[in-house]
C-alpha atoms as a PDB file:
ATOM      1  CA  MET A   1      73.039 106.070  99.929  1.00  0.00           C
ATOM      2  CA  LYS A   2      69.207 105.913  99.762  1.00  0.00           C
ATOM      3  CA  ARG A   3      67.891 102.596  98.363  1.00  0.00           C
ATOM      4  CA  ARG A   4      64.201 102.796  98.431  1.00  0.00           C
ATOM      5  CA  HIS A   5      61.494 105.965  98.281  1.00  0.00           C
ATOM      6  CA  LEU A   6      61.303 109.124  98.817  1.00  0.00           C
ATOM      7  CA  LEU A   7      58.760 111.214  97.290  1.00  0.00           C
ATOM      8  CA  ALA A   8      54.708 111.385  97.510  1.00  0.00           C
ATOM      9  CA  SER A   9      54.374 112.332  94.535  1.00  0.00           C
ATOM     10  CA  ALA A  10      56.399 110.178  92.157  1.00  0.00           C
ATOM     11  CA  ALA A  11      53.821 106.744  93.245  1.00  0.00           C
ATOM     12  CA  LEU A  12      50.804 108.061  90.989  1.00  0.00           C
ATOM     13  CA  GLY A  13      49.720 105.059  89.747  1.00  0.00           C
ATOM     14  CA  LEU A  14      50.631 102.112  91.599  1.00  0.00           C
ATOM     15  CA  SER A  15      50.239  98.792  90.286  1.00  0.00           C
ATOM     16  CA  MET A  16      48.964  99.967  87.440  1.00  0.00           C
ATOM     17  CA  ALA A  17      50.222  98.733  83.530  1.00  0.00           C
ATOM     18  CA  PHE A  18      51.135 102.283  81.560  1.00  0.00           C
ATOM     19  CA  SER A  19      50.960 101.477  77.311  1.00  0.00           C
ATOM     20  CA  GLY A  20      54.253 102.097  75.415  1.00  0.00           C
ATOM     21  CA  ALA A  21      56.934  99.230  76.266  1.00  0.00           C
ATOM     22  CA  ALA A  22      54.694  96.703  74.455  1.00  0.00           C
ATOM     23  CA  ALA A  23      57.352  93.780  73.097  1.00  0.00           C
ATOM     24  CA  LEU A  24      57.251  90.946  70.624  1.00  0.00           C
ATOM     25  CA  ALA A  25      57.345  87.584  72.042  1.00  0.00           C
ATOM     26  CA  GLN A  26      60.710  85.999  72.289  1.00  0.00           C
ATOM     27  CA  ASP A  27      62.070  82.361  71.903  1.00  0.00           C
ATOM     28  CA  LYS A  28      64.349  83.193  74.656  1.00  0.00           C
ATOM     29  CA  THR A  29      65.456  85.907  76.811  1.00  0.00           C
ATOM     30  CA  LYS A  30      68.302  87.382  79.030  1.00  0.00           C
ATOM     31  CA  ALA A  31      67.836  88.208  82.382  1.00  0.00           C
ATOM     32  CA  CYS A  32      69.888  90.228  84.186  1.00  0.00           C
ATOM     33  CA  PHE A  33      70.154  91.318  87.712  1.00  0.00           C
ATOM     34  CA  VAL A  34      72.318  94.228  89.446  1.00  0.00           C
ATOM     35  CA  TYR A  35      72.446  93.893  93.412  1.00  0.00           C
ATOM     36  CA  VAL A  36      73.967  96.575  96.334  1.00  0.00           C
ATOM     37  CA  GLY A  37      75.318  93.566  98.347  1.00  0.00           C
ATOM     38  CA  PRO A  38      76.781  90.574  98.197  1.00  0.00           C
ATOM     39  CA  ILE A  39      74.160  87.123  97.477  1.00  0.00           C
ATOM     40  CA  GLY A  40      75.481  85.838 100.561  1.00  0.00           C
ATOM     41  CA  ASP A  41      74.239  88.439 102.992  1.00  0.00           C
ATOM     42  CA  GLY A  42      71.542  86.440 104.339  1.00  0.00           C
ATOM     43  CA  GLY A  43      68.740  89.364 103.403  1.00  0.00           C
ATOM     44  CA  TRP A  44      67.620  91.825 100.897  1.00  0.00           C
ATOM     45  CA  THR A  45      70.348  90.625  98.115  1.00  0.00           C
ATOM     46  CA  PHE A  46      69.985  87.006  99.342  1.00  0.00           C
ATOM     47  CA  GLN A  47      66.295  87.467  98.551  1.00  0.00           C
ATOM     48  CA  HIS A  48      66.470  89.042  95.164  1.00  0.00           C
ATOM     49  CA  HIS A  49      68.880  86.316  93.824  1.00  0.00           C
ATOM     50  CA  GLN A  50      66.066  83.969  95.130  1.00  0.00           C
ATOM     51  CA  GLY A  51      63.872  85.496  92.946  1.00  0.00           C
ATOM     52  CA  ALA A  52      66.452  85.618  90.153  1.00  0.00           C
ATOM     53  CA  LEU A  53      66.651  81.623  90.895  1.00  0.00           C
ATOM     54  CA  ASP A  54      63.159  81.160  90.576  1.00  0.00           C
ATOM     55  CA  VAL A  55      63.203  82.996  86.749  1.00  0.00           C
ATOM     56  CA  GLN A  56      65.637  79.983  85.628  1.00  0.00           C
ATOM     57  CA  LYS A  57      63.175  77.071  87.256  1.00  0.00           C
ATOM     58  CA  ALA A  58      60.220  78.452  85.686  1.00  0.00           C
ATOM     59  CA  PHE A  59      61.624  78.582  82.163  1.00  0.00           C
ATOM     60  CA  GLY A  60      64.589  76.979  81.941  1.00  0.00           C
ATOM     61  CA  ASP A  61      66.508  77.049  78.937  1.00  0.00           C
ATOM     62  CA  LYS A  62      64.434  79.680  77.630  1.00  0.00           C
ATOM     63  CA  VAL A  63      65.981  82.165  79.519  1.00  0.00           C
ATOM     64  CA  GLU A  64      69.664  82.927  80.783  1.00  0.00           C
ATOM     65  CA  ILE A  65      70.476  84.709  83.860  1.00  0.00           C
ATOM     66  CA  GLN A  66      73.235  87.006  84.726  1.00  0.00           C
ATOM     67  CA  TRP A  67      73.898  89.361  87.473  1.00  0.00           C
ATOM     68  CA  GLN A  68      76.236  91.630  89.188  1.00  0.00           C
ATOM     69  CA  GLU A  69      76.606  92.008  93.131  1.00  0.00           C
ATOM     70  CA  ASN A  70      78.408  94.412  94.882  1.00  0.00           C
ATOM     71  CA  VAL A  71      77.537  97.619  92.486  1.00  0.00           C
ATOM     72  CA  PRO A  72      78.230 100.961  94.422  1.00  0.00           C
ATOM     73  CA  GLU A  73      74.777 103.032  93.746  1.00  0.00           C
ATOM     74  CA  GLY A  74      76.114 105.963  91.618  1.00  0.00           C
ATOM     75  CA  ALA A  75      78.465 106.037  88.786  1.00  0.00           C
ATOM     76  CA  ASP A  76      79.374 102.517  89.410  1.00  0.00           C
ATOM     77  CA  ALA A  77      75.998 101.495  88.275  1.00  0.00           C
ATOM     78  CA  GLU A  78      75.887 103.429  85.397  1.00  0.00           C
ATOM     79  CA  ARG A  79      79.128 101.629  84.220  1.00  0.00           C
ATOM     80  CA  VAL A  80      77.377  98.341  84.907  1.00  0.00           C
ATOM     81  CA  LEU A  81      74.125  98.334  83.233  1.00  0.00           C
ATOM     82  CA  THR A  82      75.292 100.151  80.030  1.00  0.00           C
ATOM     83  CA  GLN A  83      77.744  96.656  79.888  1.00  0.00           C
ATOM     84  CA  MET A  84      74.893  94.553  80.522  1.00  0.00           C
ATOM     85  CA  ALA A  85      72.612  95.863  77.895  1.00  0.00           C
ATOM     86  CA  LEU A  86      76.312  95.895  75.249  1.00  0.00           C
ATOM     87  CA  GLY A  87      76.209  92.432  76.678  1.00  0.00           C
ATOM     88  CA  GLY A  88      72.362  91.634  75.477  1.00  0.00           C
ATOM     89  CA  CYS A  89      70.571  91.473  78.251  1.00  0.00           C
ATOM     90  CA  ASP A  90      67.166  91.955  77.080  1.00  0.00           C
ATOM     91  CA  ILE A  91      65.541  92.794  80.576  1.00  0.00           C
ATOM     92  CA  ILE A  92      67.866  93.950  83.803  1.00  0.00           C
ATOM     93  CA  PHE A  93      66.747  94.234  86.979  1.00  0.00           C
ATOM     94  CA  THR A  94      68.312  97.062  89.346  1.00  0.00           C
ATOM     95  CA  THR A  95      67.684  96.094  92.966  1.00  0.00           C
ATOM     96  CA  SER A  96      68.113  99.552  94.988  1.00  0.00           C
ATOM     97  CA  PHE A  97      66.982 102.661  95.472  1.00  0.00           C
ATOM     98  CA  GLY A  98      70.260 104.404  94.408  1.00  0.00           C
ATOM     99  CA  TYR A  99      70.166 102.657  90.842  1.00  0.00           C
ATOM    100  CA  MET A 100      67.095 104.865  90.145  1.00  0.00           C
ATOM    101  CA  ASP A 101      69.063 108.124  88.661  1.00  0.00           C
ATOM    102  CA  PRO A 102      71.553 105.754  86.895  1.00  0.00           C
ATOM    103  CA  THR A 103      68.669 103.157  85.457  1.00  0.00           C
ATOM    104  CA  ASN A 104      66.890 105.754  83.822  1.00  0.00           C
ATOM    105  CA  ALA A 105      70.058 107.088  82.125  1.00  0.00           C
ATOM    106  CA  VAL A 106      70.922 103.863  81.013  1.00  0.00           C
ATOM    107  CA  ALA A 107      67.582 103.257  79.483  1.00  0.00           C
ATOM    108  CA  ALA A 108      67.526 106.446  77.451  1.00  0.00           C
ATOM    109  CA  LYS A 109      70.773 105.066  75.323  1.00  0.00           C
ATOM    110  CA  PHE A 110      69.462 101.296  74.893  1.00  0.00           C
ATOM    111  CA  PRO A 111      65.676 102.037  74.211  1.00  0.00           C
ATOM    112  CA  ASP A 112      65.044  97.797  73.582  1.00  0.00           C
ATOM    113  CA  VAL A 113      66.266  96.992  76.802  1.00  0.00           C
ATOM    114  CA  LYS A 114      63.461  96.889  79.465  1.00  0.00           C
ATOM    115  CA  PHE A 115      64.607  98.208  82.588  1.00  0.00           C
ATOM    116  CA  GLU A 116      63.400  97.234  86.286  1.00  0.00           C
ATOM    117  CA  HIS A 117      64.381  99.399  89.316  1.00  0.00           C
ATOM    118  CA  ALA A 118      63.053  98.332  93.025  1.00  0.00           C
ATOM    119  CA  THR A 119      61.474 100.940  95.310  1.00  0.00           C
ATOM    120  CA  GLY A 120      62.180 103.875  93.038  1.00  0.00           C
ATOM    121  CA  PHE A 121      59.840 106.101  91.348  1.00  0.00           C
ATOM    122  CA  LYS A 122      60.973 107.806  88.040  1.00  0.00           C
ATOM    123  CA  ARG A 123      59.729 106.462  84.829  1.00  0.00           C
ATOM    124  CA  GLU A 124      61.566 108.558  82.713  1.00  0.00           C
ATOM    125  CA  HIS A 125      61.643 106.425  80.028  1.00  0.00           C
ATOM    126  CA  PRO A 126      58.819 104.023  78.123  1.00  0.00           C
ATOM    127  CA  ASN A 127      61.426 101.158  78.796  1.00  0.00           C
ATOM    128  CA  VAL A 128      61.321 101.977  82.515  1.00  0.00           C
ATOM    129  CA  SER A 129      59.727 100.027  85.161  1.00  0.00           C
ATOM    130  CA  THR A 130      59.339 100.064  89.283  1.00  0.00           C
ATOM    131  CA  TYR A 131      58.176  97.701  91.644  1.00  0.00           C
ATOM    132  CA  ASN A 132      58.314  97.477  95.311  1.00  0.00           C
ATOM    133  CA  ALA A 133      56.715  96.326  97.983  1.00  0.00           C
ATOM    134  CA  ARG A 134      54.509  97.220 101.439  1.00  0.00           C
ATOM    135  CA  PHE A 135      56.955  96.078 103.725  1.00  0.00           C
ATOM    136  CA  TYR A 136      55.187  98.346 106.758  1.00  0.00           C
ATOM    137  CA  GLU A 137      52.493  95.466 106.455  1.00  0.00           C
ATOM    138  CA  GLY A 138      54.672  93.002 108.087  1.00  0.00           C
ATOM    139  CA  ARG A 139      56.199  96.084 110.193  1.00  0.00           C
ATOM    140  CA  ALA A 140      52.593  95.942 111.866  1.00  0.00           C
ATOM    141  CA  VAL A 141      52.847  92.445 112.924  1.00  0.00           C
ATOM    142  CA  GLN A 142      56.358  92.544 114.092  1.00  0.00           C
ATOM    143  CA  GLY A 143      55.135  95.422 116.420  1.00  0.00           C
ATOM    144  CA  HIS A 144      52.289  93.313 117.725  1.00  0.00           C
ATOM    145  CA  ILE A 145      54.563  90.734 118.926  1.00  0.00           C
ATOM    146  CA  ALA A 146      57.113  93.266 120.045  1.00  0.00           C
ATOM    147  CA  GLY A 147      54.356  95.069 122.145  1.00  0.00           C
ATOM    148  CA  LYS A 148      53.244  91.748 123.901  1.00  0.00           C
ATOM    149  CA  MET A 149      56.860  90.138 124.384  1.00  0.00           C
ATOM    150  CA  THR A 150      58.574  93.201 125.469  1.00  0.00           C
ATOM    151  CA  LYS A 151      59.666  92.309 129.527  1.00  0.00           C
ATOM    152  CA  SER A 152      61.359  95.890 129.955  1.00  0.00           C
ATOM    153  CA  ASN A 153      58.536  97.888 128.033  1.00  0.00           C
ATOM    154  CA  LYS A 154      61.620  98.952 126.020  1.00  0.00           C
ATOM    155  CA  ILE A 155      61.514  98.005 122.024  1.00  0.00           C
ATOM    156  CA  GLY A 156      63.788  99.181 119.295  1.00  0.00           C
ATOM    157  CA  TYR A 157      64.774  99.703 115.530  1.00  0.00           C
ATOM    158  CA  ILE A 158      67.508  99.926 113.459  1.00  0.00           C
ATOM    159  CA  GLY A 159      67.066 102.547 110.470  1.00  0.00           C
ATOM    160  CA  SER A 160      69.590 102.174 107.270  1.00  0.00           C
ATOM    161  CA  PHE A 161      68.793 105.855 106.227  1.00  0.00           C
ATOM    162  CA  PRO A 162      65.482 108.325 106.654  1.00  0.00           C
ATOM    163  CA  ILE A 163      63.636 107.888 103.694  1.00  0.00           C
ATOM    164  CA  PRO A 164      60.197 107.620 103.666  1.00  0.00           C
ATOM    165  CA  GLU A 165      60.312 103.476 103.030  1.00  0.00           C
ATOM    166  CA  VAL A 166      62.036 103.119 106.789  1.00  0.00           C
ATOM    167  CA  VAL A 167      60.209 105.792 108.719  1.00  0.00           C
ATOM    168  CA  MET A 168      56.675 104.229 107.515  1.00  0.00           C
ATOM    169  CA  GLY A 169      58.109 101.002 109.119  1.00  0.00           C
ATOM    170  CA  ILE A 170      59.327 102.499 112.306  1.00  0.00           C
ATOM    171  CA  ASN A 171      55.914 104.078 112.612  1.00  0.00           C
ATOM    172  CA  SER A 172      53.876 100.757 112.156  1.00  0.00           C
ATOM    173  CA  TYR A 173      56.172  99.187 114.536  1.00  0.00           C
ATOM    174  CA  TYR A 174      55.591 101.064 117.133  1.00  0.00           C
ATOM    175  CA  LEU A 175      51.911 101.699 116.450  1.00  0.00           C
ATOM    176  CA  HIS A 176      51.393  98.133 116.871  1.00  0.00           C
ATOM    177  CA  ALA A 177      53.489  97.928 119.952  1.00  0.00           C
ATOM    178  CA  LYS A 178      51.657 100.414 121.443  1.00  0.00           C
ATOM    179  CA  LYS A 179      48.024  99.093 120.992  1.00  0.00           C
ATOM    180  CA  VAL A 180      48.547  96.210 122.853  1.00  0.00           C
ATOM    181  CA  ASN A 181      51.253  97.372 125.702  1.00  0.00           C
ATOM    182  CA  PRO A 182      50.413 101.744 126.227  1.00  0.00           C
ATOM    183  CA  ASN A 183      53.870 101.268 128.484  1.00  0.00           C
ATOM    184  CA  VAL A 184      55.505 100.351 125.584  1.00  0.00           C
ATOM    185  CA  GLU A 185      58.620 103.259 124.406  1.00  0.00           C
ATOM    186  CA  LEU A 186      60.931 102.706 121.379  1.00  0.00           C
ATOM    187  CA  SER A 187      64.554 103.507 120.669  1.00  0.00           C
ATOM    188  CA  VAL A 188      65.649 104.052 117.023  1.00  0.00           C
ATOM    189  CA  VAL A 189      68.886 103.578 116.323  1.00  0.00           C
ATOM    190  CA  TRP A 190      70.448 104.631 112.695  1.00  0.00           C
ATOM    191  CA  ALA A 191      73.096 102.895 111.282  1.00  0.00           C
ATOM    192  CA  PHE A 192      72.989 104.581 107.732  1.00  0.00           C
ATOM    193  CA  THR A 193      74.127 101.789 105.829  1.00  0.00           C
ATOM    194  CA  TRP A 194      72.210  98.900 103.947  1.00  0.00           C
ATOM    195  CA  PHE A 195      74.561  96.566 104.571  1.00  0.00           C
ATOM    196  CA  ASP A 196      77.616  96.381 107.173  1.00  0.00           C
ATOM    197  CA  PRO A 197      77.672  93.902 109.657  1.00  0.00           C
ATOM    198  CA  ALA A 198      80.107  95.727 112.065  1.00  0.00           C
ATOM    199  CA  LYS A 199      77.601  99.051 111.976  1.00  0.00           C
ATOM    200  CA  GLU A 200      74.451  96.316 111.992  1.00  0.00           C
ATOM    201  CA  ALA A 201      75.930  94.660 115.090  1.00  0.00           C
ATOM    202  CA  ASP A 202      77.319  98.150 117.202  1.00  0.00           C
ATOM    203  CA  ALA A 203      73.337  99.501 116.359  1.00  0.00           C
ATOM    204  CA  ALA A 204      71.952  96.452 118.159  1.00  0.00           C
ATOM    205  CA  LYS A 205      74.448  96.037 120.794  1.00  0.00           C
ATOM    206  CA  ALA A 206      73.818 100.109 121.361  1.00  0.00           C
ATOM    207  CA  LEU A 207      70.195  98.559 122.083  1.00  0.00           C
ATOM    208  CA  ILE A 208      70.643  96.392 124.359  1.00  0.00           C
ATOM    209  CA  ASP A 209      72.753  98.846 126.375  1.00  0.00           C
ATOM    210  CA  GLN A 210      69.599 100.753 126.609  1.00  0.00           C
ATOM    211  CA  GLY A 211      67.507  98.140 127.944  1.00  0.00           C
ATOM    212  CA  VAL A 212      65.769  97.020 124.952  1.00  0.00           C
ATOM    213  CA  ASP A 213      64.398  93.500 124.568  1.00  0.00           C
ATOM    214  CA  VAL A 214      62.935  93.132 121.317  1.00  0.00           C
ATOM    215  CA  ILE A 215      64.731  94.437 117.879  1.00  0.00           C
ATOM    216  CA  ALA A 216      63.076  94.831 114.526  1.00  0.00           C
ATOM    217  CA  SER A 217      65.689  96.199 111.975  1.00  0.00           C
ATOM    218  CA  HIS A 218      65.831  98.070 108.248  1.00  0.00           C
ATOM    219  CA  THR A 219      69.418  96.981 107.225  1.00  0.00           C
ATOM    220  CA  ASP A 220      70.039  93.696 105.455  1.00  0.00           C
ATOM    221  CA  SER A 221      72.582  91.458 107.511  1.00  0.00           C
ATOM    222  CA  THR A 222      72.177  88.957 110.361  1.00  0.00           C
ATOM    223  CA  ALA A 223      74.097  90.981 112.705  1.00  0.00           C
ATOM    224  CA  PRO A 224      70.924  92.407 115.005  1.00  0.00           C
ATOM    225  CA  LEU A 225      70.249  88.861 115.461  1.00  0.00           C
ATOM    226  CA  ALA A 226      73.605  87.313 116.007  1.00  0.00           C
ATOM    227  CA  GLU A 227      73.927  90.056 119.084  1.00  0.00           C
ATOM    228  CA  ALA A 228      70.414  88.738 120.389  1.00  0.00           C
ATOM    229  CA  ALA A 229      71.292  85.741 120.331  1.00  0.00           C
ATOM    230  CA  LYS A 230      74.666  86.317 122.549  1.00  0.00           C
ATOM    231  CA  THR A 231      71.781  87.496 125.714  1.00  0.00           C
ATOM    232  CA  ASN A 232      70.845  84.313 126.659  1.00  0.00           C
ATOM    233  CA  GLY A 233      67.266  84.558 125.796  1.00  0.00           C
ATOM    234  CA  ALA A 234      67.006  87.733 127.127  1.00  0.00           C
ATOM    235  CA  VAL A 235      66.839  89.662 123.586  1.00  0.00           C
ATOM    236  CA  ILE A 236      64.545  88.904 120.484  1.00  0.00           C
ATOM    237  CA  GLY A 237      64.605  90.005 116.981  1.00  0.00           C
ATOM    238  CA  PHE A 238      62.992  89.295 113.721  1.00  0.00           C
ATOM    239  CA  GLY A 239      64.334  88.022 110.076  1.00  0.00           C
ATOM    240  CA  GLN A 240      64.820  90.977 107.559  1.00  0.00           C
ATOM    241  CA  ALA A 241      64.056  90.941 104.142  1.00  0.00           C
ATOM    242  CA  SER A 242      64.923  86.726 104.297  1.00  0.00           C
ATOM    243  CA  ASP A 243      63.504  84.321 106.886  1.00  0.00           C
ATOM    244  CA  MET A 244      66.896  83.829 108.554  1.00  0.00           C
ATOM    245  CA  ALA A 245      65.872  80.991 109.636  1.00  0.00           C
ATOM    246  CA  ASP A 246      69.749  79.896 111.451  1.00  0.00           C
ATOM    247  CA  TYR A 247      68.288  81.978 114.378  1.00  0.00           C
ATOM    248  CA  LYS A 248      64.801  80.295 114.923  1.00  0.00           C
ATOM    249  CA  PRO A 249      63.333  79.700 117.489  1.00  0.00           C
ATOM    250  CA  SER A 250      65.160  82.685 119.428  1.00  0.00           C
ATOM    251  CA  PRO A 251      66.105  85.459 118.704  1.00  0.00           C
ATOM    252  CA  ARG A 252      64.379  85.241 115.999  1.00  0.00           C
ATOM    253  CA  VAL A 253      60.837  84.487 116.477  1.00  0.00           C
ATOM    254  CA  SER A 254      59.120  86.002 112.619  1.00  0.00           C
ATOM    255  CA  SER A 255      60.237  87.129 110.585  1.00  0.00           C
ATOM    256  CA  ILE A 256      59.127  89.336 106.678  1.00  0.00           C
ATOM    257  CA  ILE A 257      60.432  87.821 103.571  1.00  0.00           C
ATOM    258  CA  ASP A 258      60.843  89.995 100.740  1.00  0.00           C
ATOM    259  CA  ASN A 259      59.126  87.204  98.158  1.00  0.00           C
ATOM    260  CA  TRP A 260      60.655  88.865  94.976  1.00  0.00           C
ATOM    261  CA  GLY A 261      60.158  85.524  93.139  1.00  0.00           C
ATOM    262  CA  PRO A 262      56.457  85.719  91.738  1.00  0.00           C
ATOM    263  CA  TYR A 263      57.224  89.048  90.109  1.00  0.00           C
ATOM    264  CA  TYR A 264      60.322  88.422  88.284  1.00  0.00           C
ATOM    265  CA  VAL A 265      58.658  85.681  86.896  1.00  0.00           C
ATOM    266  CA  LYS A 266      56.080  87.453  85.625  1.00  0.00           C
ATOM    267  CA  ARG A 267      57.797  90.109  84.319  1.00  0.00           C
ATOM    268  CA  VAL A 268      59.687  87.935  82.187  1.00  0.00           C
ATOM    269  CA  GLY A 269      57.657  85.289  81.387  1.00  0.00           C
ATOM    270  CA  ALA A 270      55.754  88.724  79.859  1.00  0.00           C
ATOM    271  CA  LEU A 271      58.729  89.590  77.604  1.00  0.00           C
ATOM    272  CA  LEU A 272      58.504  85.956  76.295  1.00  0.00           C
ATOM    273  CA  ASP A 273      55.260  85.775  75.347  1.00  0.00           C
ATOM    274  CA  GLY A 274      54.747  89.114  73.716  1.00  0.00           C
ATOM    275  CA  THR A 275      52.264  90.796  76.866  1.00  0.00           C
ATOM    276  CA  TYR A 276      54.821  93.062  78.517  1.00  0.00           C
ATOM    277  CA  ALA A 277      54.249  96.829  79.129  1.00  0.00           C
ATOM    278  CA  GLN A 278      55.545  99.383  81.605  1.00  0.00           C
ATOM    279  CA  ALA A 279      54.009  98.839  84.987  1.00  0.00           C
ATOM    280  CA  ASP A 280      54.411 100.542  88.771  1.00  0.00           C
ATOM    281  CA  ALA A 281      53.603  98.017  91.039  1.00  0.00           C
ATOM    282  CA  TRP A 282      53.254  97.845  94.789  1.00  0.00           C
ATOM    283  CA  GLU A 283      52.527  94.374  96.420  1.00  0.00           C
ATOM    284  CA  GLY A 284      52.148  93.199  99.984  1.00  0.00           C
ATOM    285  CA  ILE A 285      50.871  90.607 101.900  1.00  0.00           C
ATOM    286  CA  LYS A 286      48.027  90.298 100.125  1.00  0.00           C
ATOM    287  CA  GLY A 287      50.157  90.025  96.717  1.00  0.00           C
ATOM    288  CA  GLY A 288      52.372  87.598  98.021  1.00  0.00           C
ATOM    289  CA  GLU A 289      55.540  89.804  97.819  1.00  0.00           C
ATOM    290  CA  VAL A 290      55.504  90.175 101.668  1.00  0.00           C
ATOM    291  CA  LEU A 291      55.515  87.210 104.021  1.00  0.00           C
ATOM    292  CA  ILE A 292      55.161  86.393 107.048  1.00  0.00           C
ATOM    293  CA  GLY A 293      57.744  84.141 108.343  1.00  0.00           C
ATOM    294  CA  GLU A 294      57.112  81.199 110.733  1.00  0.00           C
ATOM    295  CA  ILE A 295      56.528  82.789 114.080  1.00  0.00           C
ATOM    296  CA  THR A 296      58.196  80.369 116.446  1.00  0.00           C
ATOM    297  CA  ASP A 297      56.897  78.238 119.686  1.00  0.00           C
ATOM    298  CA  ALA A 298      59.091  81.280 121.838  1.00  0.00           C
ATOM    299  CA  VAL A 299      55.566  83.402 121.150  1.00  0.00           C
ATOM    300  CA  PRO A 300      52.824  82.225 123.208  1.00  0.00           C
ATOM    301  CA  ALA A 301      50.125  80.901 121.385  1.00  0.00           C
ATOM    302  CA  ASP A 302      47.240  83.566 121.982  1.00  0.00           C
ATOM    303  CA  VAL A 303      50.314  86.144 120.414  1.00  0.00           C
ATOM    304  CA  LYS A 304      50.821  83.936 117.730  1.00  0.00           C
ATOM    305  CA  ALA A 305      47.650  83.724 116.635  1.00  0.00           C
ATOM    306  CA  GLU A 306      46.792  87.857 117.436  1.00  0.00           C
ATOM    307  CA  ALA A 307      49.384  88.046 114.704  1.00  0.00           C
ATOM    308  CA  GLU A 308      48.727  85.450 112.199  1.00  0.00           C
ATOM    309  CA  ALA A 309      44.843  87.241 112.486  1.00  0.00           C
ATOM    310  CA  MET A 310      46.029  90.349 111.735  1.00  0.00           C
ATOM    311  CA  ARG A 311      48.222  88.936 108.928  1.00  0.00           C
ATOM    312  CA  ASP A 312      45.206  87.140 107.489  1.00  0.00           C
ATOM    313  CA  ALA A 313      42.748  90.339 107.714  1.00  0.00           C
ATOM    314  CA  ILE A 314      46.024  92.616 105.967  1.00  0.00           C
ATOM    315  CA  ALA A 315      45.743  90.006 103.733  1.00  0.00           C
ATOM    316  CA  ALA A 316      41.733  90.490 103.134  1.00  0.00           C
ATOM    317  CA  GLY A 317      42.359  93.940 102.852  1.00  0.00           C
ATOM    318  CA  THR A 318      39.497  94.509 106.254  1.00  0.00           C
ATOM    319  CA  TYR A 319      42.264  95.606 107.652  1.00  0.00           C
ATOM    320  CA  HIS A 320      44.759  98.995 107.102  1.00  0.00           C
ATOM    321  CA  PRO A 321      47.929  99.087 108.979  1.00  0.00           C
ATOM    322  CA  PHE A 322      47.649 102.920 108.775  1.00  0.00           C
ATOM    323  CA  THR A 323      44.348 103.682 110.268  1.00  0.00           C
ATOM    324  CA  GLY A 324      42.967 106.918 112.242  1.00  0.00           C
ATOM    325  CA  PRO A 325      43.284 107.838 114.632  1.00  0.00           C
ATOM    326  CA  ILE A 326      46.599 108.829 114.293  1.00  0.00           C
ATOM    327  CA  ASN A 327      48.370 111.858 115.227  1.00  0.00           C
ATOM    328  CA  LYS A 328      51.605 113.583 114.209  1.00  0.00           C
ATOM    329  CA  GLN A 329      54.929 113.333 116.628  1.00  0.00           C
ATOM    330  CA  ASP A 330      53.889 117.206 117.137  1.00  0.00           C
ATOM    331  CA  GLY A 331      50.170 116.168 118.072  1.00  0.00           C
ATOM    332  CA  SER A 332      49.011 117.544 114.978  1.00  0.00           C
ATOM    333  CA  PRO A 333      45.786 115.617 113.375  1.00  0.00           C
ATOM    334  CA  TRP A 334      46.817 113.186 110.680  1.00  0.00           C
ATOM    335  CA  LEU A 335      44.104 110.621 109.853  1.00  0.00           C
ATOM    336  CA  ALA A 336      40.295 110.686 111.344  1.00  0.00           C
ATOM    337  CA  GLU A 337      38.615 107.879 113.188  1.00  0.00           C
ATOM    338  CA  GLY A 338      39.009 104.804 110.485  1.00  0.00           C
ATOM    339  CA  ALA A 339      40.590 106.567 107.837  1.00  0.00           C
ATOM    340  CA  THR A 340      43.415 104.812 106.375  1.00  0.00           C
ATOM    341  CA  ALA A 341      46.559 106.349 104.943  1.00  0.00           C
ATOM    342  CA  PRO A 342      46.568 107.636 100.749  1.00  0.00           C
ATOM    343  CA  ASP A 343      49.415 105.720  99.326  1.00  0.00           C
ATOM    344  CA  GLY A 344      51.032 109.082  98.551  1.00  0.00           C
ATOM    345  CA  ASP A 345      51.407 110.002 102.476  1.00  0.00           C
ATOM    346  CA  LEU A 346      52.805 106.737 103.114  1.00  0.00           C
ATOM    347  CA  LEU A 347      55.515 107.248  99.948  1.00  0.00           C
ATOM    348  CA  GLY A 348      56.531 110.840 101.074  1.00  0.00           C
ATOM    349  CA  MET A 349      56.304 110.109 104.962  1.00  0.00           C
ATOM    350  CA  ASN A 350      58.689 112.060 106.604  1.00  0.00           C
ATOM    351  CA  PHE A 351      57.848 112.829 110.464  1.00  0.00           C
ATOM    352  CA  TYR A 352      56.830 110.171 113.129  1.00  0.00           C
ATOM    353  CA  VAL A 353      53.622 109.332 114.450  1.00  0.00           C
ATOM    354  CA  GLU A 354      52.904 110.536 118.196  1.00  0.00           C
ATOM    355  CA  GLY A 355      54.325 109.117 120.955  1.00  0.00           C
ATOM    356  CA  ILE A 356      57.860 108.332 119.754  1.00  0.00           C
ATOM    357  CA  THR A 357      60.502 110.310 120.894  1.00  0.00           C
ATOM    358  CA  GLY A 358      63.553 111.811 118.777  1.00  0.00           C
ATOM    359  CA  ASP A 359      64.060 113.508 115.355  1.00  0.00           C
ATOM    360  CA  ILE A 360      64.262 111.702 112.017  1.00  0.00           C
ATOM    361  CA  PRO A 361      67.977 112.550 110.990  1.00  0.00           C
ATOM    362  CA  LYS A 362      68.031 115.087 107.721  1.00  0.00           C
END
């Protein structure tokens, strides 16, 4: 069910390489990918598959790629992973949070196969690595645009599951909208799905019915943008996980693009040249895993320039989206003036920041 992060303590050693899973050089290798949705979802899985295709382009006939779509999180995932390991996969990328336990269980049985789990934190065996992206950085840019462009002062967010990765995105989005528009109000609708276009559309309709005119989402389909497109320009939104360019120049006024290709190419390349080692990576705008899609002309020029300046400051390391003073929803202090959030706090985030109404579902 829950694809991404749950607990901060599991994030120790981010972006570090670990000894223990070194590999001998290979002339050829087989890289395999397990997907939670269809490659045509237009979002999360689509973007992971683009990364897989980048591997094929980078190495040609040195790499065979294989993938399986629509694999449920749980026992089915363990079965698919076992089949892939038995079928000659040298490295297997498992691209959803709920694959974490199946990944580690199968890795124990196949110590010579490398396993890479997206958005998880468990590395119970030396042949298991983890990787993720700092999506909250992109939410900051989107929040700035939302705060500047809302006419109703009501912005919305479609959440998938109430886990830290999603909560930190909601907080980042709201904080940056509030900075530029003190009157802004945020409504959150929980879809309790990663990919279900009907549920995602219903969530968008619920927000629009509340008077929301800017919608961000943390689900995988284009359905929220499709609903926004029915409002004759009254509602705008953002591409999620992939560019969703079919909805440019509006309602899609920008996007967060998950750029997995460079990481996949790096890891498969390391397996080929014998430099592969266990790792835990959490990159963002600076590392190129989070891209901000084109900000269209539907956004005023000054707002576009401000958003791009924020993107560039994050990339340069001169701005952190969670910089104090920031209080928790109950008014208690979280970050003092000028302090930035430790990664552990973010990866365990289970609270809204001050100003957001409503509760995080348990």
